[in-house]
PDB file of all heavy atoms in Angstrom:
ATOM      1  N   ILE A   1       0.877  -1.198   0.006  1.00  0.00           N
ATOM      2  CA  ILE A   1      -0.023  -0.015   0.009  1.00  0.00           C
ATOM      3  C   ILE A   1       0.935   1.199  -0.020  1.00  0.00           C
ATOM      4  O   ILE A   1       1.937   1.246   0.648  1.00  0.00           O
ATOM      5  CB  ILE A   1      -0.989   0.001   1.242  1.00  0.00           C
ATOM      6  CG1 ILE A   1      -2.014   1.142   1.105  1.00  0.00           C
ATOM      7  CG2 ILE A   1      -0.264   0.052   2.491  1.00  0.00           C
ATOM      8  CD1 ILE A   1      -3.160   1.067   1.987  1.00  0.00           C
ATOM      9  N   THR A   2       0.418   2.273  -0.689  1.00  0.00           N
ATOM     10  CA  THR A   2       1.237   3.460  -0.695  1.00  0.00           C
ATOM     11  C   THR A   2       0.436   4.699  -0.274  1.00  0.00           C
ATOM     12  O   THR A   2      -0.800   4.715  -0.519  1.00  0.00           O
ATOM     13  CB  THR A   2       1.809   3.703  -2.164  1.00  0.00           C
ATOM     14  OG1 THR A   2       0.772   3.886  -3.069  1.00  0.00           O
ATOM     15  CG2 THR A   2       2.695   2.605  -2.633  1.00  0.00           C
ATOM     16  N   ASN A   3       1.032   5.617   0.419  1.00  0.00           N
ATOM     17  CA  ASN A   3       0.456   6.908   0.637  1.00  0.00           C
ATOM     18  C   ASN A   3       1.364   7.967   0.074  1.00  0.00           C
ATOM     19  O   ASN A   3       2.602   7.760   0.266  1.00  0.00           O
ATOM     20  CB  ASN A   3       0.353   7.065   2.146  1.00  0.00           C
ATOM     21  CG  ASN A   3      -0.475   6.025   2.845  1.00  0.00           C
ATOM     22  OD1 ASN A   3      -1.218   5.276   2.122  1.00  0.00           O
ATOM     23  ND2 ASN A   3      -0.414   5.938   4.144  1.00  0.00           N
ATOM     24  N   ASP A   4       0.845   8.885  -0.548  1.00  0.00           N
ATOM     25  CA  ASP A   4       1.721   9.900  -1.240  1.00  0.00           C
ATOM     26  C   ASP A   4       1.503  11.297  -0.685  1.00  0.00           C
ATOM     27  O   ASP A   4       0.549  11.562  -0.009  1.00  0.00           O
ATOM     28  CB  ASP A   4       1.611   9.896  -2.745  1.00  0.00           C
ATOM     29  CG  ASP A   4       0.321  10.471  -3.243  1.00  0.00           C
ATOM     30  OD1 ASP A   4      -0.579  10.546  -2.460  1.00  0.00           O
ATOM     31  OD2 ASP A   4       0.222  10.804  -4.432  1.00  0.00           O
ATOM     32  N   SER A   5       2.553  12.061  -1.054  1.00  0.00           N
ATOM     33  CA  SER A   5       2.470  13.522  -0.742  1.00  0.00           C
ATOM     34  C   SER A   5       3.099  14.108  -1.973  1.00  0.00           C
ATOM     35  O   SER A   5       3.425  13.410  -2.987  1.00  0.00           O
ATOM     36  CB  SER A   5       3.144  13.914   0.549  1.00  0.00           C
ATOM     37  OG  SER A   5       4.545  13.670   0.338  1.00  0.00           O
ATOM     38  N   ALA A   6       3.311  15.387  -2.070  1.00  0.00           N
ATOM     39  CA  ALA A   6       3.799  16.012  -3.244  1.00  0.00           C
ATOM     40  C   ALA A   6       5.196  15.530  -3.689  1.00  0.00           C
ATOM     41  O   ALA A   6       5.407  15.262  -4.880  1.00  0.00           O
ATOM     42  CB  ALA A   6       3.879  17.524  -3.042  1.00  0.00           C
ATOM     43  N   GLU A   7       6.114  15.336  -2.730  1.00  0.00           N
ATOM     44  CA  GLU A   7       7.447  14.979  -3.058  1.00  0.00           C
ATOM     45  C   GLU A   7       7.874  13.601  -2.596  1.00  0.00           C
ATOM     46  O   GLU A   7       8.676  12.874  -3.306  1.00  0.00           O
ATOM     47  CB  GLU A   7       8.427  15.979  -2.542  1.00  0.00           C
ATOM     48  CG  GLU A   7       8.269  17.404  -3.108  1.00  0.00           C
ATOM     49  CD  GLU A   7       9.302  18.351  -2.486  1.00  0.00           C
ATOM     50  OE1 GLU A   7      10.329  17.917  -1.961  1.00  0.00           O
ATOM     51  OE2 GLU A   7       8.973  19.569  -2.597  1.00  0.00           O
ATOM     52  N   TYR A   8       7.280  13.091  -1.567  1.00  0.00           N
ATOM     53  CA  TYR A   8       7.612  11.776  -1.003  1.00  0.00           C
ATOM     54  C   TYR A   8       6.350  11.036  -0.607  1.00  0.00           C
ATOM     55  O   TYR A   8       5.297  11.588  -0.415  1.00  0.00           O
ATOM     56  CB  TYR A   8       8.577  11.949   0.216  1.00  0.00           C
ATOM     57  CG  TYR A   8       9.953  12.413  -0.232  1.00  0.00           C
ATOM     58  CD1 TYR A   8      10.205  13.688  -0.263  1.00  0.00           C
ATOM     59  CD2 TYR A   8      10.950  11.428  -0.626  1.00  0.00           C
ATOM     60  CE1 TYR A   8      11.482  14.189  -0.595  1.00  0.00           C
ATOM     61  CE2 TYR A   8      12.149  11.963  -1.053  1.00  0.00           C
ATOM     62  CZ  TYR A   8      12.482  13.291  -1.044  1.00  0.00           C
ATOM     63  OH  TYR A   8      13.733  13.660  -1.357  1.00  0.00           O
ATOM     64  N   GLY A   9       6.539   9.738  -0.481  1.00  0.00           N
ATOM     65  CA  GLY A   9       5.434   8.840  -0.021  1.00  0.00           C
ATOM     66  C   GLY A   9       5.952   7.794   0.885  1.00  0.00           C
ATOM     67  O   GLY A   9       7.227   7.524   0.997  1.00  0.00           O
ATOM     68  N   ILE A  10       5.060   7.101   1.457  1.00  0.00           N
ATOM     69  CA  ILE A  10       5.408   5.888   2.263  1.00  0.00           C
ATOM     70  C   ILE A  10       4.817   4.657   1.592  1.00  0.00           C
ATOM     71  O   ILE A  10       3.638   4.584   1.246  1.00  0.00           O
ATOM     72  CB  ILE A  10       4.798   5.977   3.714  1.00  0.00           C
ATOM     73  CG1 ILE A  10       5.401   7.269   4.380  1.00  0.00           C
ATOM     74  CG2 ILE A  10       5.132   4.694   4.487  1.00  0.00           C
ATOM     75  CD1 ILE A  10       4.813   7.532   5.714  1.00  0.00           C
ATOM     76  N   VAL A  11       5.671   3.710   1.419  1.00  0.00           N
ATOM     77  CA  VAL A  11       5.355   2.382   0.759  1.00  0.00           C
ATOM     78  C   VAL A  11       5.332   1.446   1.924  1.00  0.00           C
ATOM     79  O   VAL A  11       6.390   1.337   2.617  1.00  0.00           O
ATOM     80  CB  VAL A  11       6.240   1.978  -0.317  1.00  0.00           C
ATOM     81  CG1 VAL A  11       5.906   0.577  -0.884  1.00  0.00           C
ATOM     82  CG2 VAL A  11       6.355   2.917  -1.396  1.00  0.00           C
ATOM     83  N   ARG A  12       4.142   0.809   2.187  1.00  0.00           N
ATOM     84  CA  ARG A  12       4.193  -0.208   3.299  1.00  0.00           C
ATOM     85  C   ARG A  12       3.992  -1.543   2.722  1.00  0.00           C
ATOM     86  O   ARG A  12       3.211  -1.820   1.793  1.00  0.00           O
ATOM     87  CB  ARG A  12       2.921   0.106   4.223  1.00  0.00           C
ATOM     88  CG  ARG A  12       3.200   1.347   5.044  1.00  0.00           C
ATOM     89  CD  ARG A  12       2.168   1.567   5.984  1.00  0.00           C
ATOM     90  NE  ARG A  12       2.516   2.530   6.916  1.00  0.00           N
ATOM     91  CZ  ARG A  12       2.058   3.880   6.829  1.00  0.00           C
ATOM     92  NH1 ARG A  12       1.191   4.202   5.913  1.00  0.00           N
ATOM     93  NH2 ARG A  12       2.400   4.857   7.745  1.00  0.00           N
ATOM     94  N   LEU A  13       4.887  -2.490   3.041  1.00  0.00           N
ATOM     95  CA  LEU A  13       4.959  -3.841   2.502  1.00  0.00           C
ATOM     96  C   LEU A  13       4.839  -4.958   3.524  1.00  0.00           C
ATOM     97  O   LEU A  13       5.507  -4.820   4.644  1.00  0.00           O
ATOM     98  CB  LEU A  13       6.175  -3.975   1.667  1.00  0.00           C
ATOM     99  CG  LEU A  13       6.558  -3.104   0.507  1.00  0.00           C
ATOM    100  CD1 LEU A  13       7.984  -3.432  -0.033  1.00  0.00           C
ATOM    101  CD2 LEU A  13       5.518  -3.199  -0.523  1.00  0.00           C
ATOM    102  N   LEU A  14       4.190  -5.954   3.240  1.00  0.00           N
ATOM    103  CA  LEU A  14       4.223  -7.229   3.985  1.00  0.00           C
ATOM    104  C   LEU A  14       4.927  -8.229   2.981  1.00  0.00           C
ATOM    105  O   LEU A  14       4.461  -8.369   1.877  1.00  0.00           O
ATOM    106  CB  LEU A  14       2.873  -7.756   4.368  1.00  0.00           C
ATOM    107  CG  LEU A  14       1.994  -6.784   5.140  1.00  0.00           C
ATOM    108  CD1 LEU A  14       0.705  -7.496   5.543  1.00  0.00           C
ATOM    109  CD2 LEU A  14       2.754  -6.454   6.495  1.00  0.00           C
ATOM    110  N   VAL A  15       6.085  -8.726   3.408  1.00  0.00           N
ATOM    111  CA  VAL A  15       6.739  -9.667   2.531  1.00  0.00           C
ATOM    112  C   VAL A  15       7.051 -10.943   3.344  1.00  0.00           C
ATOM    113  O   VAL A  15       6.846 -11.127   4.485  1.00  0.00           O
ATOM    114  CB  VAL A  15       8.103  -9.002   2.119  1.00  0.00           C
ATOM    115  CG1 VAL A  15       7.926  -7.720   1.314  1.00  0.00           C
ATOM    116  CG2 VAL A  15       9.042  -8.712   3.290  1.00  0.00           C
ATOM    117  N   ASP A  16       7.569 -11.936   2.540  1.00  0.00           N
ATOM    118  CA  ASP A  16       7.769 -13.320   3.107  1.00  0.00           C
ATOM    119  C   ASP A  16       9.031 -13.256   4.035  1.00  0.00           C
ATOM    120  O   ASP A  16       8.973 -14.132   4.869  1.00  0.00           O
ATOM    121  CB  ASP A  16       7.815 -14.411   1.976  1.00  0.00           C
ATOM    122  CG  ASP A  16       8.924 -14.169   1.024  1.00  0.00           C
ATOM    123  OD1 ASP A  16       9.565 -13.087   0.895  1.00  0.00           O
ATOM    124  OD2 ASP A  16       9.233 -15.128   0.289  1.00  0.00           O
ATOM    125  N   GLU A  17       9.987 -12.483   3.803  1.00  0.00           N
ATOM    126  CA  GLU A  17      11.205 -12.499   4.603  1.00  0.00           C
ATOM    127  C   GLU A  17      11.485 -11.054   4.987  1.00  0.00           C
ATOM    128  O   GLU A  17      12.377 -10.337   4.376  1.00  0.00           O
ATOM    129  CB  GLU A  17      12.318 -13.167   3.834  1.00  0.00           C
ATOM    130  CG  GLU A  17      12.184 -14.553   3.578  1.00  0.00           C
ATOM    131  CD  GLU A  17      13.386 -15.188   2.898  1.00  0.00           C
ATOM    132  OE1 GLU A  17      14.453 -15.080   3.360  1.00  0.00           O
ATOM    133  OE2 GLU A  17      13.209 -15.609   1.674  1.00  0.00           O
ATOM    134  N   THR A  18      10.889 -10.555   6.067  1.00  0.00           N
ATOM    135  CA  THR A  18      10.987  -9.177   6.463  1.00  0.00           C
ATOM    136  C   THR A  18      12.395  -8.715   6.707  1.00  0.00           C
ATOM    137  O   THR A  18      12.876  -7.765   6.213  1.00  0.00           O
ATOM    138  CB  THR A  18      10.009  -8.845   7.683  1.00  0.00           C
ATOM    139  OG1 THR A  18       8.753  -9.340   7.429  1.00  0.00           O
ATOM    140  CG2 THR A  18      10.074  -7.365   7.926  1.00  0.00           C
ATOM    141  N   GLU A  19      13.170  -9.494   7.542  1.00  0.00           N
ATOM    142  CA  GLU A  19      14.444  -9.114   7.831  1.00  0.00           C
ATOM    143  C   GLU A  19      15.395  -8.947   6.654  1.00  0.00           C
ATOM    144  O   GLU A  19      16.130  -8.010   6.549  1.00  0.00           O
ATOM    145  CB  GLU A  19      15.060 -10.044   8.915  1.00  0.00           C
ATOM    146  CG  GLU A  19      16.365  -9.620   9.504  1.00  0.00           C
ATOM    147  CD  GLU A  19      16.821 -10.582  10.658  1.00  0.00           C
ATOM    148  OE1 GLU A  19      16.033 -10.872  11.471  1.00  0.00           O
ATOM    149  OE2 GLU A  19      18.004 -10.940  10.525  1.00  0.00           O
ATOM    150  N   ARG A  20      15.347  -9.963   5.821  1.00  0.00           N
ATOM    151  CA  ARG A  20      16.197  -9.981   4.610  1.00  0.00           C
ATOM    152  C   ARG A  20      15.837  -8.815   3.679  1.00  0.00           C
ATOM    153  O   ARG A  20      16.594  -8.101   3.159  1.00  0.00           O
ATOM    154  CB  ARG A  20      16.121 -11.334   3.895  1.00  0.00           C
ATOM    155  CG  ARG A  20      17.158 -11.453   2.766  1.00  0.00           C
ATOM    156  CD  ARG A  20      17.350 -12.871   2.307  1.00  0.00           C
ATOM    157  NE  ARG A  20      16.169 -13.385   1.592  1.00  0.00           N
ATOM    158  CZ  ARG A  20      16.112 -13.360   0.177  1.00  0.00           C
ATOM    159  NH1 ARG A  20      17.044 -12.720  -0.453  1.00  0.00           N
ATOM    160  NH2 ARG A  20      15.061 -13.896  -0.344  1.00  0.00           N
ATOM    161  N   ALA A  21      14.469  -8.495   3.476  1.00  0.00           N
ATOM    162  CA  ALA A  21      14.031  -7.468   2.608  1.00  0.00           C
ATOM    163  C   ALA A  21      14.441  -6.125   3.182  1.00  0.00           C
ATOM    164  O   ALA A  21      14.924  -5.232   2.374  1.00  0.00           O
ATOM    165  CB  ALA A  21      12.558  -7.562   2.454  1.00  0.00           C
ATOM    166  N   PHE A  22      14.268  -5.945   4.531  1.00  0.00           N
ATOM    167  CA  PHE A  22      14.771  -4.736   5.139  1.00  0.00           C
ATOM    168  C   PHE A  22      16.184  -4.446   4.891  1.00  0.00           C
ATOM    169  O   PHE A  22      16.518  -3.406   4.520  1.00  0.00           O
ATOM    170  CB  PHE A  22      14.443  -4.723   6.651  1.00  0.00           C
ATOM    171  CG  PHE A  22      14.911  -3.573   7.419  1.00  0.00           C
ATOM    172  CD1 PHE A  22      14.234  -2.468   7.292  1.00  0.00           C
ATOM    173  CD2 PHE A  22      16.012  -3.685   8.189  1.00  0.00           C
ATOM    174  CE1 PHE A  22      14.665  -1.317   7.940  1.00  0.00           C
ATOM    175  CE2 PHE A  22      16.415  -2.608   8.928  1.00  0.00           C
ATOM    176  CZ  PHE A  22      15.762  -1.381   8.863  1.00  0.00           C
ATOM    177  N   LYS A  23      17.031  -5.384   5.204  1.00  0.00           N
ATOM    178  CA  LYS A  23      18.458  -5.288   4.989  1.00  0.00           C
ATOM    179  C   LYS A  23      18.814  -4.939   3.523  1.00  0.00           C
ATOM    180  O   LYS A  23      19.627  -3.974   3.233  1.00  0.00           O
ATOM    181  CB  LYS A  23      19.207  -6.556   5.418  1.00  0.00           C
ATOM    182  CG  LYS A  23      20.735  -6.376   5.318  1.00  0.00           C
ATOM    183  CD  LYS A  23      21.445  -7.516   5.784  1.00  0.00           C
ATOM    184  CE  LYS A  23      22.968  -7.494   5.803  1.00  0.00           C
ATOM    185  NZ  LYS A  23      23.617  -6.575   5.020  1.00  0.00           N
ATOM    186  N   LEU A  24      18.147  -5.583   2.538  1.00  0.00           N
ATOM    187  CA  LEU A  24      18.490  -5.372   1.233  1.00  0.00           C
ATOM    188  C   LEU A  24      18.009  -3.985   0.750  1.00  0.00           C
ATOM    189  O   LEU A  24      18.843  -3.226   0.062  1.00  0.00           O
ATOM    190  CB  LEU A  24      17.543  -6.382   0.414  1.00  0.00           C
ATOM    191  CG  LEU A  24      17.704  -6.289  -1.203  1.00  0.00           C
ATOM    192  CD1 LEU A  24      19.081  -6.672  -1.665  1.00  0.00           C
ATOM    193  CD2 LEU A  24      16.681  -7.160  -1.839  1.00  0.00           C
ATOM    194  N   LEU A  25      16.906  -3.481   1.232  1.00  0.00           N
ATOM    195  CA  LEU A  25      16.431  -2.110   0.938  1.00  0.00           C
ATOM    196  C   LEU A  25      17.387  -1.106   1.520  1.00  0.00           C
ATOM    197  O   LEU A  25      17.822  -0.163   0.874  1.00  0.00           O
ATOM    198  CB  LEU A  25      14.982  -2.010   1.390  1.00  0.00           C
ATOM    199  CG  LEU A  25      13.866  -2.690   0.643  1.00  0.00           C
ATOM    200  CD1 LEU A  25      12.597  -2.849   1.459  1.00  0.00           C
ATOM    201  CD2 LEU A  25      13.675  -2.006  -0.749  1.00  0.00           C
ATOM    202  N   LYS A  26      17.745  -1.259   2.789  1.00  0.00           N
ATOM    203  CA  LYS A  26      18.676  -0.325   3.453  1.00  0.00           C
ATOM    204  C   LYS A  26      20.012  -0.249   2.736  1.00  0.00           C
ATOM    205  O   LYS A  26      20.517   0.754   2.534  1.00  0.00           O
ATOM    206  CB  LYS A  26      18.853  -0.771   4.915  1.00  0.00           C
ATOM    207  CG  LYS A  26      17.663  -0.607   5.796  1.00  0.00           C
ATOM    208  CD  LYS A  26      17.453   0.743   6.326  1.00  0.00           C
ATOM    209  CE  LYS A  26      18.523   1.058   7.474  1.00  0.00           C
ATOM    210  NZ  LYS A  26      18.336   2.392   8.037  1.00  0.00           N
ATOM    211  N   ASP A  27      20.566  -1.462   2.389  1.00  0.00           N
ATOM    212  CA  ASP A  27      21.781  -1.563   1.731  1.00  0.00           C
ATOM    213  C   ASP A  27      21.745  -0.991   0.402  1.00  0.00           C
ATOM    214  O   ASP A  27      22.839  -0.615  -0.205  1.00  0.00           O
ATOM    215  CB  ASP A  27      22.289  -3.068   1.535  1.00  0.00           C
ATOM    216  CG  ASP A  27      22.650  -3.663   2.906  1.00  0.00           C
ATOM    217  OD1 ASP A  27      22.847  -2.963   3.942  1.00  0.00           O
ATOM    218  OD2 ASP A  27      22.877  -4.948   2.918  1.00  0.00           O
ATOM    219  N   ASN A  28      20.555  -0.758  -0.276  1.00  0.00           N
ATOM    220  CA  ASN A  28      20.487  -0.179  -1.521  1.00  0.00           C
ATOM    221  C   ASN A  28      20.002   1.265  -1.450  1.00  0.00           C
ATOM    222  O   ASN A  28      19.464   1.849  -2.442  1.00  0.00           O
ATOM    223  CB  ASN A  28      19.582  -1.007  -2.474  1.00  0.00           C
ATOM    224  CG  ASN A  28      20.272  -2.196  -3.023  1.00  0.00           C
ATOM    225  OD1 ASN A  28      20.954  -2.071  -4.039  1.00  0.00           O
ATOM    226  ND2 ASN A  28      20.264  -3.354  -2.270  1.00  0.00           N
ATOM    227  N   GLY A  29      20.197   1.900  -0.292  1.00  0.00           N
ATOM    228  CA  GLY A  29      19.946   3.388  -0.142  1.00  0.00           C
ATOM    229  C   GLY A  29      18.527   3.745   0.181  1.00  0.00           C
ATOM    230  O   GLY A  29      18.243   4.971   0.245  1.00  0.00           O
ATOM    231  N   PHE A  30      17.612   2.803   0.449  1.00  0.00           N
ATOM    232  CA  PHE A  30      16.249   3.183   0.811  1.00  0.00           C
ATOM    233  C   PHE A  30      16.156   3.467   2.328  1.00  0.00           C
ATOM    234  O   PHE A  30      16.745   2.813   3.151  1.00  0.00           O
ATOM    235  CB  PHE A  30      15.270   2.067   0.448  1.00  0.00           C
ATOM    236  CG  PHE A  30      15.029   1.941  -0.947  1.00  0.00           C
ATOM    237  CD1 PHE A  30      15.743   0.960  -1.721  1.00  0.00           C
ATOM    238  CD2 PHE A  30      14.106   2.771  -1.657  1.00  0.00           C
ATOM    239  CE1 PHE A  30      15.591   0.870  -3.091  1.00  0.00           C
ATOM    240  CE2 PHE A  30      13.944   2.582  -3.068  1.00  0.00           C
ATOM    241  CZ  PHE A  30      14.701   1.631  -3.763  1.00  0.00           C
ATOM    242  N   ILE A  31      15.410   4.500   2.625  1.00  0.00           N
ATOM    243  CA  ILE A  31      15.144   4.808   3.988  1.00  0.00           C
ATOM    244  C   ILE A  31      13.826   4.091   4.421  1.00  0.00           C
ATOM    245  O   ILE A  31      12.840   4.216   3.904  1.00  0.00           O
ATOM    246  CB  ILE A  31      14.913   6.390   4.228  1.00  0.00           C
ATOM    247  CG1 ILE A  31      16.124   7.109   3.782  1.00  0.00           C
ATOM    248  CG2 ILE A  31      14.490   6.690   5.669  1.00  0.00           C
ATOM    249  CD1 ILE A  31      15.882   8.589   3.621  1.00  0.00           C
ATOM    250  N   CYS A  32      14.080   3.181   5.392  1.00  0.00           N
ATOM    251  CA  CYS A  32      12.945   2.304   5.774  1.00  0.00           C
ATOM    252  C   CYS A  32      13.040   1.888   7.195  1.00  0.00           C
ATOM    253  O   CYS A  32      14.099   2.049   7.874  1.00  0.00           O
ATOM    254  CB  CYS A  32      12.848   1.046   4.893  1.00  0.00           C
ATOM    255  SG  CYS A  32      14.355   0.114   4.596  1.00  0.00           S
ATOM    256  N   LYS A  33      11.941   1.359   7.712  1.00  0.00           N
ATOM    257  CA  LYS A  33      11.906   0.908   9.097  1.00  0.00           C
ATOM    258  C   LYS A  33      10.956  -0.310   9.110  1.00  0.00           C
ATOM    259  O   LYS A  33      10.090  -0.484   8.270  1.00  0.00           O
ATOM    260  CB  LYS A  33      11.491   1.927  10.059  1.00  0.00           C
ATOM    261  CG  LYS A  33      10.038   2.394   9.975  1.00  0.00           C
ATOM    262  CD  LYS A  33       9.657   3.335  11.094  1.00  0.00           C
ATOM    263  CE  LYS A  33       8.191   3.551  11.061  1.00  0.00           C
ATOM    264  NZ  LYS A  33       7.751   4.392  12.211  1.00  0.00           N
ATOM    265  N   VAL A  34      11.098  -1.065  10.117  1.00  0.00           N
ATOM    266  CA  VAL A  34      10.213  -2.303  10.386  1.00  0.00           C
ATOM    267  C   VAL A  34       9.344  -1.918  11.554  1.00  0.00           C
ATOM    268  O   VAL A  34       9.893  -1.384  12.570  1.00  0.00           O
ATOM    269  CB  VAL A  34      10.974  -3.571  10.636  1.00  0.00           C
ATOM    270  CG1 VAL A  34      10.075  -4.700  11.077  1.00  0.00           C
ATOM    271  CG2 VAL A  34      11.874  -3.988   9.413  1.00  0.00           C
ATOM    272  N   SER A  35       8.075  -2.161  11.423  1.00  0.00           N
ATOM    273  CA  SER A  35       7.170  -1.989  12.549  1.00  0.00           C
ATOM    274  C   SER A  35       6.244  -3.155  12.696  1.00  0.00           C
ATOM    275  O   SER A  35       5.978  -3.826  11.741  1.00  0.00           O
ATOM    276  CB  SER A  35       6.435  -0.678  12.462  1.00  0.00           C
ATOM    277  OG  SER A  35       5.710  -0.576  11.233  1.00  0.00           O
ATOM    278  N   ARG A  36       5.702  -3.269  13.870  1.00  0.00           N
ATOM    279  CA  ARG A  36       4.717  -4.336  14.079  1.00  0.00           C
ATOM    280  C   ARG A  36       3.321  -3.937  13.822  1.00  0.00           C
ATOM    281  O   ARG A  36       3.007  -2.745  14.171  1.00  0.00           O
ATOM    282  CB  ARG A  36       4.773  -4.808  15.612  1.00  0.00           C
ATOM    283  CG  ARG A  36       6.160  -5.485  15.866  1.00  0.00           C
ATOM    284  CD  ARG A  36       6.231  -5.781  17.369  1.00  0.00           C
ATOM    285  NE  ARG A  36       7.447  -6.511  17.564  1.00  0.00           N
ATOM    286  CZ  ARG A  36       7.912  -6.816  18.760  1.00  0.00           C
ATOM    287  NH1 ARG A  36       7.268  -6.303  19.856  1.00  0.00           N
ATOM    288  NH2 ARG A  36       9.055  -7.448  18.880  1.00  0.00           N
ATOM    289  N   VAL A  37       2.559  -4.819  13.202  1.00  0.00           N
ATOM    290  CA  VAL A  37       1.281  -4.487  12.887  1.00  0.00           C
ATOM    291  C   VAL A  37       0.291  -5.751  13.244  1.00  0.00           C
ATOM    292  O   VAL A  37       0.883  -6.772  13.427  1.00  0.00           O
ATOM    293  CB  VAL A  37       0.882  -4.060  11.285  1.00  0.00           C
ATOM    294  CG1 VAL A  37       1.585  -2.746  10.985  1.00  0.00           C
ATOM    295  CG2 VAL A  37       1.440  -5.137  10.402  1.00  0.00           C
ATOM    296  N   ILE A  38      -0.901  -5.504  13.344  1.00  0.00           N
ATOM    297  CA  ILE A  38      -1.803  -6.577  13.697  1.00  0.00           C
ATOM    298  C   ILE A  38      -2.587  -6.979  12.559  1.00  0.00           C
ATOM    299  O   ILE A  38      -3.247  -6.183  11.798  1.00  0.00           O
ATOM    300  CB  ILE A  38      -2.732  -6.154  14.866  1.00  0.00           C
ATOM    301  CG1 ILE A  38      -1.889  -5.623  16.026  1.00  0.00           C
ATOM    302  CG2 ILE A  38      -3.701  -7.126  15.232  1.00  0.00           C
ATOM    303  CD1 ILE A  38      -2.694  -4.851  17.005  1.00  0.00           C
ATOM    304  N   GLY A  39      -2.635  -8.334  12.192  1.00  0.00           N
ATOM    305  CA  GLY A  39      -3.504  -8.802  11.174  1.00  0.00           C
ATOM    306  C   GLY A  39      -4.756  -9.469  11.764  1.00  0.00           C
ATOM    307  O   GLY A  39      -4.664 -10.366  12.550  1.00  0.00           O
ATOM    308  N   VAL A  40      -5.824  -8.889  11.476  1.00  0.00           N
ATOM    309  CA  VAL A  40      -7.133  -9.376  12.093  1.00  0.00           C
ATOM    310  C   VAL A  40      -8.066  -9.958  10.871  1.00  0.00           C
ATOM    311  O   VAL A  40      -8.379  -9.192   9.921  1.00  0.00           O
ATOM    312  CB  VAL A  40      -7.952  -8.177  12.720  1.00  0.00           C
ATOM    313  CG1 VAL A  40      -9.202  -8.733  13.450  1.00  0.00           C
ATOM    314  CG2 VAL A  40      -7.084  -7.491  13.776  1.00  0.00           C
ATOM    315  N   LYS A  41      -8.432 -11.175  11.001  1.00  0.00           N
ATOM    316  CA  LYS A  41      -9.305 -11.803  10.015  1.00  0.00           C
ATOM    317  C   LYS A  41     -10.768 -11.304  10.334  1.00  0.00           C
ATOM    318  O   LYS A  41     -11.202 -11.230  11.476  1.00  0.00           O
ATOM    319  CB  LYS A  41      -9.281 -13.375  10.109  1.00  0.00           C
ATOM    320  CG  LYS A  41      -8.083 -13.880   9.694  1.00  0.00           C
ATOM    321  CD  LYS A  41      -8.010 -15.394   9.677  1.00  0.00           C
ATOM    322  CE  LYS A  41      -6.762 -15.993   9.220  1.00  0.00           C
ATOM    323  NZ  LYS A  41      -6.813 -17.432   9.159  1.00  0.00           N
ATOM    324  N   ILE A  42     -11.436 -10.910   9.262  1.00  0.00           N
ATOM    325  CA  ILE A  42     -12.767 -10.365   9.324  1.00  0.00           C
ATOM    326  C   ILE A  42     -13.643 -11.137   8.258  1.00  0.00           C
ATOM    327  O   ILE A  42     -13.069 -11.655   7.336  1.00  0.00           O
ATOM    328  CB  ILE A  42     -12.918  -8.818   9.116  1.00  0.00           C
ATOM    329  CG1 ILE A  42     -12.270  -8.422   7.822  1.00  0.00           C
ATOM    330  CG2 ILE A  42     -12.210  -8.191  10.291  1.00  0.00           C
ATOM    331  CD1 ILE A  42     -12.480  -6.898   7.541  1.00  0.00           C
TER     332      ILE A  42
END
């Protein structure tokens, strides 16, 4: 999911290997963070 503004946006991703994806993104110059979210079945 993405949220945008005029110049920058936030891309939020759920991936199969969070730690590896995070390291890969950081190592390639992306500013990112990992946060905990709750998945609720409805």
